[in-house]
Amino acid sequence: MPALEKRVSDLEVKVTQLQHDRTIIASPRAERDAEFNSCVKEANDNYAVNLRANSKERGENTLSISEHVSQKLDGVKRSMLEECKLLYR
């Protein structure tokens, strides 16, 4: 039995070390994912603010915006999302 107990103890130490190593590897990824999500939220928020600022209300929950301005805002949002991907993915 002592040999079996020694093997179990050794395996427990190895499992603990592997879990620790996995946590160290996962932490930077989780941080990058959080930064990416924050960047995407900022792009969406920026788009919503600019959309409201550059449009006219045409009734309840309806906005009117020129096609030219809409295309510009879409382009800015796409650029911001691409930047998020480049920085955090």
PDB file of N, CA and C in Angstrom:
ATOM      1  N   MET A   1       0.794  -1.196   0.000  1.00  0.00           N
ATOM      2  CA  MET A   1       0.000   0.000   0.000  1.00  0.00           C
ATOM      3  C   MET A   1       0.840   1.266   0.000  1.00  0.00           C
ATOM      4  N   PRO A   2       1.962   1.325   0.661  1.00  0.00           N
ATOM      5  CA  PRO A   2       2.729   2.564   0.660  1.00  0.00           C
ATOM      6  C   PRO A   2       3.153   2.985  -0.753  1.00  0.00           C
ATOM      7  N   ALA A   3       3.453   2.040  -1.622  1.00  0.00           N
ATOM      8  CA  ALA A   3       3.841   2.378  -2.992  1.00  0.00           C
ATOM      9  C   ALA A   3       2.666   3.009  -3.740  1.00  0.00           C
ATOM     10  N   LEU A   4       1.474   2.478  -3.526  1.00  0.00           N
ATOM     11  CA  LEU A   4       0.274   3.024  -4.157  1.00  0.00           C
ATOM     12  C   LEU A   4      -0.008   4.437  -3.654  1.00  0.00           C
ATOM     13  N   GLU A   5       0.129   4.634  -2.346  1.00  0.00           N
ATOM     14  CA  GLU A   5      -0.088   5.956  -1.771  1.00  0.00           C
ATOM     15  C   GLU A   5       0.917   6.960  -2.322  1.00  0.00           C
ATOM     16  N   LYS A   6       2.155   6.530  -2.519  1.00  0.00           N
ATOM     17  CA  LYS A   6       3.199   7.400  -3.081  1.00  0.00           C
ATOM     18  C   LYS A   6       2.840   7.784  -4.513  1.00  0.00           C
ATOM     19  N   ARG A   7       2.376   6.821  -5.304  1.00  0.00           N
ATOM     20  CA  ARG A   7       1.995   7.105  -6.683  1.00  0.00           C
ATOM     21  C   ARG A   7       0.808   8.079  -6.731  1.00  0.00           C
ATOM     22  N   VAL A   8      -0.168   7.871  -5.870  1.00  0.00           N
ATOM     23  CA  VAL A   8      -1.331   8.763  -5.816  1.00  0.00           C
ATOM     24  C   VAL A   8      -0.880  10.163  -5.429  1.00  0.00           C
ATOM     25  N   SER A   9      -0.018  10.267  -4.458  1.00  0.00           N
ATOM     26  CA  SER A   9       0.496  11.568  -4.030  1.00  0.00           C
ATOM     27  C   SER A   9       1.247  12.258  -5.164  1.00  0.00           C
ATOM     28  N   ASP A  10       2.080  11.518  -5.880  1.00  0.00           N
ATOM     29  CA  ASP A  10       2.819  12.085  -7.020  1.00  0.00           C
ATOM     30  C   ASP A  10       1.867  12.571  -8.109  1.00  0.00           C
ATOM     31  N   LEU A  11       0.835  11.780  -8.383  1.00  0.00           N
ATOM     32  CA  LEU A  11      -0.154  12.184  -9.388  1.00  0.00           C
ATOM     33  C   LEU A  11      -0.911  13.432  -8.958  1.00  0.00           C
ATOM     34  N   GLU A  12      -1.243  13.529  -7.690  1.00  0.00           N
ATOM     35  CA  GLU A  12      -1.930  14.725  -7.198  1.00  0.00           C
ATOM     36  C   GLU A  12      -1.068  15.963  -7.376  1.00  0.00           C
ATOM     37  N   VAL A  13       0.220  15.845  -7.125  1.00  0.00           N
ATOM     38  CA  VAL A  13       1.146  16.968  -7.313  1.00  0.00           C
ATOM     39  C   VAL A  13       1.203  17.351  -8.790  1.00  0.00           C
ATOM     40  N   LYS A  14       1.272  16.360  -9.663  1.00  0.00           N
ATOM     41  CA  LYS A  14       1.322  16.642 -11.102  1.00  0.00           C
ATOM     42  C   LYS A  14       0.030  17.306 -11.578  1.00  0.00           C
ATOM     43  N   VAL A  15      -1.109  16.835 -11.114  1.00  0.00           N
ATOM     44  CA  VAL A  15      -2.395  17.423 -11.494  1.00  0.00           C
ATOM     45  C   VAL A  15      -2.466  18.875 -11.035  1.00  0.00           C
ATOM     46  N   THR A  16      -2.043  19.128  -9.821  1.00  0.00           N
ATOM     47  CA  THR A  16      -2.046  20.503  -9.300  1.00  0.00           C
ATOM     48  C   THR A  16      -1.158  21.397 -10.151  1.00  0.00           C
ATOM     49  N   GLN A  17       0.021  20.906 -10.522  1.00  0.00           N
ATOM     50  CA  GLN A  17       0.945  21.693 -11.347  1.00  0.00           C
ATOM     51  C   GLN A  17       0.345  21.952 -12.730  1.00  0.00           C
ATOM     52  N   LEU A  18      -0.290  20.963 -13.327  1.00  0.00           N
ATOM     53  CA  LEU A  18      -0.912  21.144 -14.640  1.00  0.00           C
ATOM     54  C   LEU A  18      -2.064  22.145 -14.574  1.00  0.00           C
ATOM     55  N   GLN A  19      -2.854  22.090 -13.517  1.00  0.00           N
ATOM     56  CA  GLN A  19      -3.941  23.056 -13.359  1.00  0.00           C
ATOM     57  C   GLN A  19      -3.386  24.470 -13.213  1.00  0.00           C
ATOM     58  N   HIS A  20      -2.307  24.596 -12.475  1.00  0.00           N
ATOM     59  CA  HIS A  20      -1.668  25.896 -12.296  1.00  0.00           C
ATOM     60  C   HIS A  20      -1.146  26.404 -13.637  1.00  0.00           C
ATOM     61  N   ASP A  21      -0.489  25.553 -14.390  1.00  0.00           N
ATOM     62  CA  ASP A  21       0.043  25.942 -15.705  1.00  0.00           C
ATOM     63  C   ASP A  21      -1.081  26.365 -16.644  1.00  0.00           C
ATOM     64  N   ARG A  22      -2.170  25.637 -16.615  1.00  0.00           N
ATOM     65  CA  ARG A  22      -3.311  25.969 -17.475  1.00  0.00           C
ATOM     66  C   ARG A  22      -3.903  27.322 -17.103  1.00  0.00           C
ATOM     67  N   THR A  23      -3.962  27.630 -15.828  1.00  0.00           N
ATOM     68  CA  THR A  23      -4.468  28.914 -15.366  1.00  0.00           C
ATOM     69  C   THR A  23      -3.572  30.048 -15.845  1.00  0.00           C
ATOM     70  N   ILE A  24      -2.275  29.852 -15.783  1.00  0.00           N
ATOM     71  CA  ILE A  24      -1.325  30.874 -16.242  1.00  0.00           C
ATOM     72  C   ILE A  24      -1.501  31.127 -17.732  1.00  0.00           C
ATOM     73  N   ILE A  25      -1.711  30.086 -18.500  1.00  0.00           N
ATOM     74  CA  ILE A  25      -1.894  30.219 -19.949  1.00  0.00           C
ATOM     75  C   ILE A  25      -3.239  30.870 -20.257  1.00  0.00           C
ATOM     76  N   ALA A  26      -4.274  30.521 -19.521  1.00  0.00           N
ATOM     77  CA  ALA A  26      -5.621  31.022 -19.796  1.00  0.00           C
ATOM     78  C   ALA A  26      -5.797  32.482 -19.402  1.00  0.00           C
ATOM     79  N   SER A  27      -5.072  32.950 -18.415  1.00  0.00           N
ATOM     80  CA  SER A  27      -5.248  34.318 -17.932  1.00  0.00           C
ATOM     81  C   SER A  27      -5.010  35.373 -19.005  1.00  0.00           C
ATOM     82  N   PRO A  28      -3.890  35.336 -19.745  1.00  0.00           N
ATOM     83  CA  PRO A  28      -3.700  36.350 -20.783  1.00  0.00           C
ATOM     84  C   PRO A  28      -4.789  36.296 -21.858  1.00  0.00           C
ATOM     85  N   ARG A  29      -5.251  35.107 -22.184  1.00  0.00           N
ATOM     86  CA  ARG A  29      -6.308  34.961 -23.190  1.00  0.00           C
ATOM     87  C   ARG A  29      -7.603  35.597 -22.684  1.00  0.00           C
ATOM     88  N   ALA A  30      -7.937  35.353 -21.444  1.00  0.00           N
ATOM     89  CA  ALA A  30      -9.151  35.933 -20.874  1.00  0.00           C
ATOM     90  C   ALA A  30      -9.048  37.455 -20.837  1.00  0.00           C
ATOM     91  N   GLU A  31      -7.866  37.949 -20.524  1.00  0.00           N
ATOM     92  CA  GLU A  31      -7.655  39.397 -20.496  1.00  0.00           C
ATOM     93  C   GLU A  31      -7.818  39.993 -21.895  1.00  0.00           C
ATOM     94  N   ARG A  32      -7.239  39.339 -22.905  1.00  0.00           N
ATOM     95  CA  ARG A  32      -7.378  39.819 -24.290  1.00  0.00           C
ATOM     96  C   ARG A  32      -8.833  39.773 -24.743  1.00  0.00           C
ATOM     97  N   ASP A  33      -9.542  38.718 -24.355  1.00  0.00           N
ATOM     98  CA  ASP A  33     -10.961  38.613 -24.719  1.00  0.00           C
ATOM     99  C   ASP A  33     -11.765  39.754 -24.093  1.00  0.00           C
ATOM    100  N   ALA A  34     -11.472  40.075 -22.837  1.00  0.00           N
ATOM    101  CA  ALA A  34     -12.174  41.165 -22.166  1.00  0.00           C
ATOM    102  C   ALA A  34     -11.864  42.497 -22.845  1.00  0.00           C
ATOM    103  N   GLU A  35     -10.606  42.702 -23.222  1.00  0.00           N
ATOM    104  CA  GLU A  35     -10.228  43.936 -23.911  1.00  0.00           C
ATOM    105  C   GLU A  35     -10.893  44.016 -25.281  1.00  0.00           C
ATOM    106  N   PHE A  36     -10.967  42.892 -25.985  1.00  0.00           N
ATOM    107  CA  PHE A  36     -11.631  42.856 -27.288  1.00  0.00           C
ATOM    108  C   PHE A  36     -13.106  43.217 -27.136  1.00  0.00           C
ATOM    109  N   ASN A  37     -13.778  42.598 -26.162  1.00  0.00           N
ATOM    110  CA  ASN A  37     -15.201  42.875 -25.940  1.00  0.00           C
ATOM    111  C   ASN A  37     -15.429  44.338 -25.573  1.00  0.00           C
ATOM    112  N   SER A  38     -14.538  44.899 -24.791  1.00  0.00           N
ATOM    113  CA  SER A  38     -14.642  46.310 -24.424  1.00  0.00           C
ATOM    114  C   SER A  38     -14.452  47.203 -25.647  1.00  0.00           C
ATOM    115  N   CYS A  39     -13.517  46.842 -26.501  1.00  0.00           N
ATOM    116  CA  CYS A  39     -13.256  47.602 -27.730  1.00  0.00           C
ATOM    117  C   CYS A  39     -14.475  47.556 -28.656  1.00  0.00           C
ATOM    118  N   VAL A  40     -15.075  46.398 -28.806  1.00  0.00           N
ATOM    119  CA  VAL A  40     -16.265  46.250 -29.650  1.00  0.00           C
ATOM    120  C   VAL A  40     -17.422  47.052 -29.072  1.00  0.00           C
ATOM    121  N   LYS A  41     -17.580  47.024 -27.758  1.00  0.00           N
ATOM    122  CA  LYS A  41     -18.641  47.807 -27.114  1.00  0.00           C
ATOM    123  C   LYS A  41     -18.414  49.295 -27.371  1.00  0.00           C
ATOM    124  N   GLU A  42     -17.172  49.742 -27.281  1.00  0.00           N
ATOM    125  CA  GLU A  42     -16.862  51.148 -27.548  1.00  0.00           C
ATOM    126  C   GLU A  42     -17.214  51.525 -28.989  1.00  0.00           C
ATOM    127  N   ALA A  43     -16.903  50.645 -29.938  1.00  0.00           N
ATOM    128  CA  ALA A  43     -17.240  50.895 -31.347  1.00  0.00           C
ATOM    129  C   ALA A  43     -18.754  50.992 -31.521  1.00  0.00           C
ATOM    130  N   ASN A  44     -19.493  50.098 -30.902  1.00  0.00           N
ATOM    131  CA  ASN A  44     -20.962  50.121 -30.998  1.00  0.00           C
ATOM    132  C   ASN A  44     -21.551  51.363 -30.342  1.00  0.00           C
ATOM    133  N   ASP A  45     -21.021  51.715 -29.173  1.00  0.00           N
ATOM    134  CA  ASP A  45     -21.503  52.908 -28.473  1.00  0.00           C
ATOM    135  C   ASP A  45     -21.212  54.167 -29.284  1.00  0.00           C
ATOM    136  N   ASN A  46     -20.011  54.240 -29.837  1.00  0.00           N
ATOM    137  CA  ASN A  46     -19.617  55.386 -30.662  1.00  0.00           C
ATOM    138  C   ASN A  46     -20.545  55.507 -31.874  1.00  0.00           C
ATOM    139  N   TYR A  47     -20.841  54.387 -32.499  1.00  0.00           N
ATOM    140  CA  TYR A  47     -21.746  54.372 -33.653  1.00  0.00           C
ATOM    141  C   TYR A  47     -23.138  54.889 -33.263  1.00  0.00           C
ATOM    142  N   ALA A  48     -23.654  54.409 -32.146  1.00  0.00           N
ATOM    143  CA  ALA A  48     -24.991  54.812 -31.698  1.00  0.00           C
ATOM    144  C   ALA A  48     -25.042  56.314 -31.397  1.00  0.00           C
ATOM    145  N   VAL A  49     -24.014  56.838 -30.744  1.00  0.00           N
ATOM    146  CA  VAL A  49     -23.969  58.267 -30.430  1.00  0.00           C
ATOM    147  C   VAL A  49     -23.914  59.089 -31.714  1.00  0.00           C
ATOM    148  N   ASN A  50     -23.044  58.694 -32.643  1.00  0.00           N
ATOM    149  CA  ASN A  50     -22.921  59.430 -33.902  1.00  0.00           C
ATOM    150  C   ASN A  50     -24.180  59.313 -34.757  1.00  0.00           C
ATOM    151  N   LEU A  51     -24.825  58.179 -34.718  1.00  0.00           N
ATOM    152  CA  LEU A  51     -26.068  57.996 -35.457  1.00  0.00           C
ATOM    153  C   LEU A  51     -27.135  58.968 -34.944  1.00  0.00           C
ATOM    154  N   ARG A  52     -27.271  59.022 -33.634  1.00  0.00           N
ATOM    155  CA  ARG A  52     -28.249  59.943 -33.037  1.00  0.00           C
ATOM    156  C   ARG A  52     -27.895  61.396 -33.347  1.00  0.00           C
ATOM    157  N   ALA A  53     -26.608  61.728 -33.279  1.00  0.00           N
ATOM    158  CA  ALA A  53     -26.176  63.113 -33.489  1.00  0.00           C
ATOM    159  C   ALA A  53     -26.358  63.565 -34.936  1.00  0.00           C
ATOM    160  N   ASN A  54     -26.327  62.627 -35.869  1.00  0.00           N
ATOM    161  CA  ASN A  54     -26.384  62.980 -37.288  1.00  0.00           C
ATOM    162  C   ASN A  54     -27.704  62.616 -37.963  1.00  0.00           C
ATOM    163  N   SER A  55     -28.714  62.343 -37.190  1.00  0.00           N
ATOM    164  CA  SER A  55     -30.007  61.963 -37.769  1.00  0.00           C
ATOM    165  C   SER A  55     -31.118  62.845 -37.198  1.00  0.00           C
ATOM    166  N   LYS A  56     -32.267  62.709 -37.820  1.00  0.00           N
ATOM    167  CA  LYS A  56     -33.450  63.443 -37.373  1.00  0.00           C
ATOM    168  C   LYS A  56     -34.509  62.426 -36.991  1.00  0.00           C
ATOM    169  N   GLU A  57     -35.221  62.718 -35.917  1.00  0.00           N
ATOM    170  CA  GLU A  57     -36.304  61.819 -35.508  1.00  0.00           C
ATOM    171  C   GLU A  57     -37.501  62.012 -36.425  1.00  0.00           C
ATOM    172  N   ARG A  58     -38.049  60.900 -36.854  1.00  0.00           N
ATOM    173  CA  ARG A  58     -39.218  60.916 -37.753  1.00  0.00           C
ATOM    174  C   ARG A  58     -40.372  60.156 -37.132  1.00  0.00           C
ATOM    175  N   GLY A  59     -40.480  60.213 -35.854  1.00  0.00           N
ATOM    176  CA  GLY A  59     -41.544  59.485 -35.175  1.00  0.00           C
ATOM    177  C   GLY A  59     -40.952  58.663 -34.060  1.00  0.00           C
ATOM    178  N   GLU A  60     -41.821  57.908 -33.415  1.00  0.00           N
ATOM    179  CA  GLU A  60     -41.375  57.088 -32.303  1.00  0.00           C
ATOM    180  C   GLU A  60     -40.469  55.962 -32.797  1.00  0.00           C
ATOM    181  N   ASN A  61     -39.259  55.902 -32.261  1.00  0.00           N
ATOM    182  CA  ASN A  61     -38.265  54.871 -32.588  1.00  0.00           C
ATOM    183  C   ASN A  61     -37.871  54.858 -34.058  1.00  0.00           C
ATOM    184  N   THR A  62     -37.967  55.998 -34.735  1.00  0.00           N
ATOM    185  CA  THR A  62     -37.596  56.072 -36.150  1.00  0.00           C
ATOM    186  C   THR A  62     -36.648  57.250 -36.359  1.00  0.00           C
ATOM    187  N   LEU A  63     -35.526  56.962 -37.005  1.00  0.00           N
ATOM    188  CA  LEU A  63     -34.549  57.999 -37.321  1.00  0.00           C
ATOM    189  C   LEU A  63     -34.398  58.106 -38.822  1.00  0.00           C
ATOM    190  N   SER A  64     -34.090  59.312 -39.275  1.00  0.00           N
ATOM    191  CA  SER A  64     -33.834  59.542 -40.692  1.00  0.00           C
ATOM    192  C   SER A  64     -32.415  60.083 -40.831  1.00  0.00           C
ATOM    193  N   ILE A  65     -31.661  59.496 -41.748  1.00  0.00           N
ATOM    194  CA  ILE A  65     -30.281  59.910 -41.944  1.00  0.00           C
ATOM    195  C   ILE A  65     -29.953  59.805 -43.429  1.00  0.00           C
ATOM    196  N   SER A  66     -29.129  60.708 -43.914  1.00  0.00           N
ATOM    197  CA  SER A  66     -28.780  60.656 -45.331  1.00  0.00           C
ATOM    198  C   SER A  66     -27.911  59.426 -45.614  1.00  0.00           C
ATOM    199  N   GLU A  67     -27.998  58.936 -46.822  1.00  0.00           N
ATOM    200  CA  GLU A  67     -27.237  57.746 -47.196  1.00  0.00           C
ATOM    201  C   GLU A  67     -25.743  57.993 -47.079  1.00  0.00           C
ATOM    202  N   HIS A  68     -25.307  59.184 -47.477  1.00  0.00           N
ATOM    203  CA  HIS A  68     -23.883  59.530 -47.418  1.00  0.00           C
ATOM    204  C   HIS A  68     -23.374  59.463 -45.970  1.00  0.00           C
ATOM    205  N   VAL A  69     -24.103  60.070 -45.051  1.00  0.00           N
ATOM    206  CA  VAL A  69     -23.690  60.068 -43.643  1.00  0.00           C
ATOM    207  C   VAL A  69     -23.755  58.648 -43.084  1.00  0.00           C
ATOM    208  N   SER A  70     -24.767  57.907 -43.435  1.00  0.00           N
ATOM    209  CA  SER A  70     -24.902  56.529 -42.983  1.00  0.00           C
ATOM    210  C   SER A  70     -23.710  55.678 -43.433  1.00  0.00           C
ATOM    211  N   GLN A  71     -23.300  55.844 -44.686  1.00  0.00           N
ATOM    212  CA  GLN A  71     -22.145  55.101 -45.199  1.00  0.00           C
ATOM    213  C   GLN A  71     -20.869  55.494 -44.467  1.00  0.00           C
ATOM    214  N   LYS A  72     -20.723  56.782 -44.166  1.00  0.00           N
ATOM    215  CA  LYS A  72     -19.543  57.237 -43.417  1.00  0.00           C
ATOM    216  C   LYS A  72     -19.510  56.615 -42.026  1.00  0.00           C
ATOM    217  N   LEU A  73     -20.659  56.649 -41.345  1.00  0.00           N
ATOM    218  CA  LEU A  73     -20.714  56.074 -40.006  1.00  0.00           C
ATOM    219  C   LEU A  73     -20.447  54.571 -40.030  1.00  0.00           C
ATOM    220  N   ASP A  74     -21.007  53.887 -41.015  1.00  0.00           N
ATOM    221  CA  ASP A  74     -20.751  52.445 -41.155  1.00  0.00           C
ATOM    222  C   ASP A  74     -19.264  52.178 -41.369  1.00  0.00           C
ATOM    223  N   GLY A  75     -18.630  53.010 -42.200  1.00  0.00           N
ATOM    224  CA  GLY A  75     -17.192  52.850 -42.462  1.00  0.00           C
ATOM    225  C   GLY A  75     -16.354  53.072 -41.220  1.00  0.00           C
ATOM    226  N   VAL A  76     -16.714  54.076 -40.437  1.00  0.00           N
ATOM    227  CA  VAL A  76     -15.986  54.348 -39.191  1.00  0.00           C
ATOM    228  C   VAL A  76     -16.133  53.167 -38.235  1.00  0.00           C
ATOM    229  N   LYS A  77     -17.347  52.635 -38.133  1.00  0.00           N
ATOM    230  CA  LYS A  77     -17.579  51.495 -37.240  1.00  0.00           C
ATOM    231  C   LYS A  77     -16.783  50.277 -37.707  1.00  0.00           C
ATOM    232  N   ARG A  78     -16.808  50.006 -39.005  1.00  0.00           N
ATOM    233  CA  ARG A  78     -16.042  48.871 -39.537  1.00  0.00           C
ATOM    234  C   ARG A  78     -14.553  49.030 -39.241  1.00  0.00           C
ATOM    235  N   SER A  79     -14.050  50.253 -39.408  1.00  0.00           N
ATOM    236  CA  SER A  79     -12.629  50.514 -39.126  1.00  0.00           C
ATOM    237  C   SER A  79     -12.310  50.267 -37.657  1.00  0.00           C
ATOM    238  N   MET A  80     -13.187  50.719 -36.786  1.00  0.00           N
ATOM    239  CA  MET A  80     -12.964  50.509 -35.355  1.00  0.00           C
ATOM    240  C   MET A  80     -12.993  49.024 -35.006  1.00  0.00           C
ATOM    241  N   LEU A  81     -13.916  48.282 -35.616  1.00  0.00           N
ATOM    242  CA  LEU A  81     -13.989  46.842 -35.347  1.00  0.00           C
ATOM    243  C   LEU A  81     -12.758  46.115 -35.879  1.00  0.00           C
ATOM    244  N   GLU A  82     -12.266  46.529 -37.040  1.00  0.00           N
ATOM    245  CA  GLU A  82     -11.036  45.934 -37.583  1.00  0.00           C
ATOM    246  C   GLU A  82      -9.856  46.211 -36.661  1.00  0.00           C
ATOM    247  N   GLU A  83      -9.809  47.424 -36.120  1.00  0.00           N
ATOM    248  CA  GLU A  83      -8.735  47.769 -35.176  1.00  0.00           C
ATOM    249  C   GLU A  83      -8.815  46.888 -33.937  1.00  0.00           C
ATOM    250  N   CYS A  84     -10.031  46.654 -33.454  1.00  0.00           N
ATOM    251  CA  CYS A  84     -10.212  45.759 -32.300  1.00  0.00           C
ATOM    252  C   CYS A  84      -9.648  44.371 -32.608  1.00  0.00           C
ATOM    253  N   LYS A  85      -9.971  43.865 -33.801  1.00  0.00           N
ATOM    254  CA  LYS A  85      -9.482  42.536 -34.184  1.00  0.00           C
ATOM    255  C   LYS A  85      -7.968  42.508 -34.243  1.00  0.00           C
ATOM    256  N   LEU A  86      -7.378  43.538 -34.839  1.00  0.00           N
ATOM    257  CA  LEU A  86      -5.929  43.573 -34.957  1.00  0.00           C
ATOM    258  C   LEU A  86      -5.234  43.666 -33.598  1.00  0.00           C
ATOM    259  N   LEU A  87      -5.821  44.413 -32.697  1.00  0.00           N
ATOM    260  CA  LEU A  87      -5.201  44.610 -31.390  1.00  0.00           C
ATOM    261  C   LEU A  87      -5.359  43.430 -30.454  1.00  0.00           C
ATOM    262  N   TYR A  88      -6.522  42.784 -30.512  1.00  0.00           N
ATOM    263  CA  TYR A  88      -6.829  41.810 -29.460  1.00  0.00           C
ATOM    264  C   TYR A  88      -7.103  40.383 -29.928  1.00  0.00           C
ATOM    265  N   ARG A  89      -7.000  40.106 -31.211  1.00  0.00           N
ATOM    266  CA  ARG A  89      -7.234  38.734 -31.684  1.00  0.00           C
ATOM    267  C   ARG A  89      -6.001  38.153 -32.310  1.00  0.00           C
TER     268      ARG A  89
END
